[in-house]
């Protein structure tokens, strides 16, 4: 499943944009968030992130 998502053209484009942003911000000492939440559908991934961040997703 993960390999299919990474092969998706949209996913590759978004990852390229994130890489560009990291390169631009490297000298500014601004770090982009680095987290990956992986799991089956409806197992509580969003709930865990909401609990950790106190932000409703």
C-alpha atoms as a PDB file:
ATOM      1  CA  UNK A   1       0.000   0.000   0.000  1.00  0.00           C
ATOM      2  CA  UNK A   2       2.752   2.491   0.931  1.00  0.00           C
ATOM      3  CA  UNK A   3       4.699   1.779  -2.239  1.00  0.00           C
ATOM      4  CA  UNK A   4       1.587   2.545  -4.303  1.00  0.00           C
ATOM      5  CA  UNK A   5       1.164   5.891  -2.546  1.00  0.00           C
ATOM      6  CA  UNK A   6       4.799   6.837  -3.125  1.00  0.00           C
ATOM      7  CA  UNK A   7       4.528   5.914  -6.787  1.00  0.00           C
ATOM      8  CA  UNK A   8       1.580   8.241  -7.179  1.00  0.00           C
ATOM      9  CA  UNK A   9       2.549  11.286  -9.258  1.00  0.00           C
ATOM     10  CA  UNK A  10       0.843  13.673  -6.846  1.00  0.00           C
ATOM     11  CA  UNK A  11       2.719  12.199  -3.880  1.00  0.00           C
ATOM     12  CA  UNK A  12       6.026  12.527  -5.711  1.00  0.00           C
ATOM     13  CA  UNK A  13       5.241  16.141  -6.571  1.00  0.00           C
ATOM     14  CA  UNK A  14       4.371  16.987  -2.972  1.00  0.00           C
ATOM     15  CA  UNK A  15       7.509  15.292  -1.656  1.00  0.00           C
ATOM     16  CA  UNK A  16       9.569  17.293  -4.144  1.00  0.00           C
ATOM     17  CA  UNK A  17       7.998  20.520  -2.864  1.00  0.00           C
ATOM     18  CA  UNK A  18       8.767  19.540   0.732  1.00  0.00           C
ATOM     19  CA  UNK A  19      12.377  18.828  -0.260  1.00  0.00           C
ATOM     20  CA  UNK A  20      12.613  22.255  -1.909  1.00  0.00           C
ATOM     21  CA  UNK A  21      11.189  23.934   1.191  1.00  0.00           C
ATOM     22  CA  UNK A  22      13.660  22.102   3.435  1.00  0.00           C
ATOM     23  CA  UNK A  23      16.519  23.289   1.244  1.00  0.00           C
ATOM     24  CA  UNK A  24      15.289  26.901   1.288  1.00  0.00           C
ATOM     25  CA  UNK A  25      14.688  26.913   5.046  1.00  0.00           C
ATOM     26  CA  UNK A  26      17.895  25.092   5.980  1.00  0.00           C
ATOM     27  CA  UNK A  27      19.839  28.320   6.418  1.00  0.00           C
ATOM     28  CA  UNK A  28      16.950  30.036   8.231  1.00  0.00           C
ATOM     29  CA  UNK A  29      16.989  27.546  11.102  1.00  0.00           C
ATOM     30  CA  UNK A  30      13.308  26.830  10.506  1.00  0.00           C
ATOM     31  CA  UNK A  31      12.478  23.147  10.655  1.00  0.00           C
ATOM     32  CA  UNK A  32       9.528  21.614   8.874  1.00  0.00           C
ATOM     33  CA  UNK A  33       7.491  19.133  10.890  1.00  0.00           C
ATOM     34  CA  UNK A  34       8.748  15.594  10.472  1.00  0.00           C
ATOM     35  CA  UNK A  35       6.189  12.950  11.242  1.00  0.00           C
ATOM     36  CA  UNK A  36       4.597  10.065   9.419  1.00  0.00           C
ATOM     37  CA  UNK A  37       1.429   8.423  10.657  1.00  0.00           C
ATOM     38  CA  UNK A  38       0.778   5.069   9.069  1.00  0.00           C
ATOM     39  CA  UNK A  39      -2.094   2.681   9.604  1.00  0.00           C
ATOM     40  CA  UNK A  40      -5.208   1.164   8.190  1.00  0.00           C
ATOM     41  CA  UNK A  41      -8.322   3.222   7.587  1.00  0.00           C
ATOM     42  CA  UNK A  42     -10.354   4.145  10.679  1.00  0.00           C
ATOM     43  CA  UNK A  43      -7.841   2.942  13.292  1.00  0.00           C
ATOM     44  CA  UNK A  44      -7.425   6.289  15.058  1.00  0.00           C
ATOM     45  CA  UNK A  45      -4.489   8.004  13.338  1.00  0.00           C
ATOM     46  CA  UNK A  46      -6.204  11.397  13.297  1.00  0.00           C
ATOM     47  CA  UNK A  47      -7.369  10.975  16.881  1.00  0.00           C
ATOM     48  CA  UNK A  48      -3.802  10.355  18.047  1.00  0.00           C
ATOM     49  CA  UNK A  49      -2.537  13.424  16.170  1.00  0.00           C
ATOM     50  CA  UNK A  50      -5.349  15.559  17.574  1.00  0.00           C
ATOM     51  CA  UNK A  51      -4.582  14.380  21.113  1.00  0.00           C
ATOM     52  CA  UNK A  52      -0.858  15.091  20.717  1.00  0.00           C
ATOM     53  CA  UNK A  53      -1.231  18.472  19.045  1.00  0.00           C
ATOM     54  CA  UNK A  54      -4.449  19.796  20.613  1.00  0.00           C
ATOM     55  CA  UNK A  55      -5.483  20.785  17.084  1.00  0.00           C
ATOM     56  CA  UNK A  56      -8.707  19.480  15.575  1.00  0.00           C
ATOM     57  CA  UNK A  57      -7.973  17.918  12.190  1.00  0.00           C
END
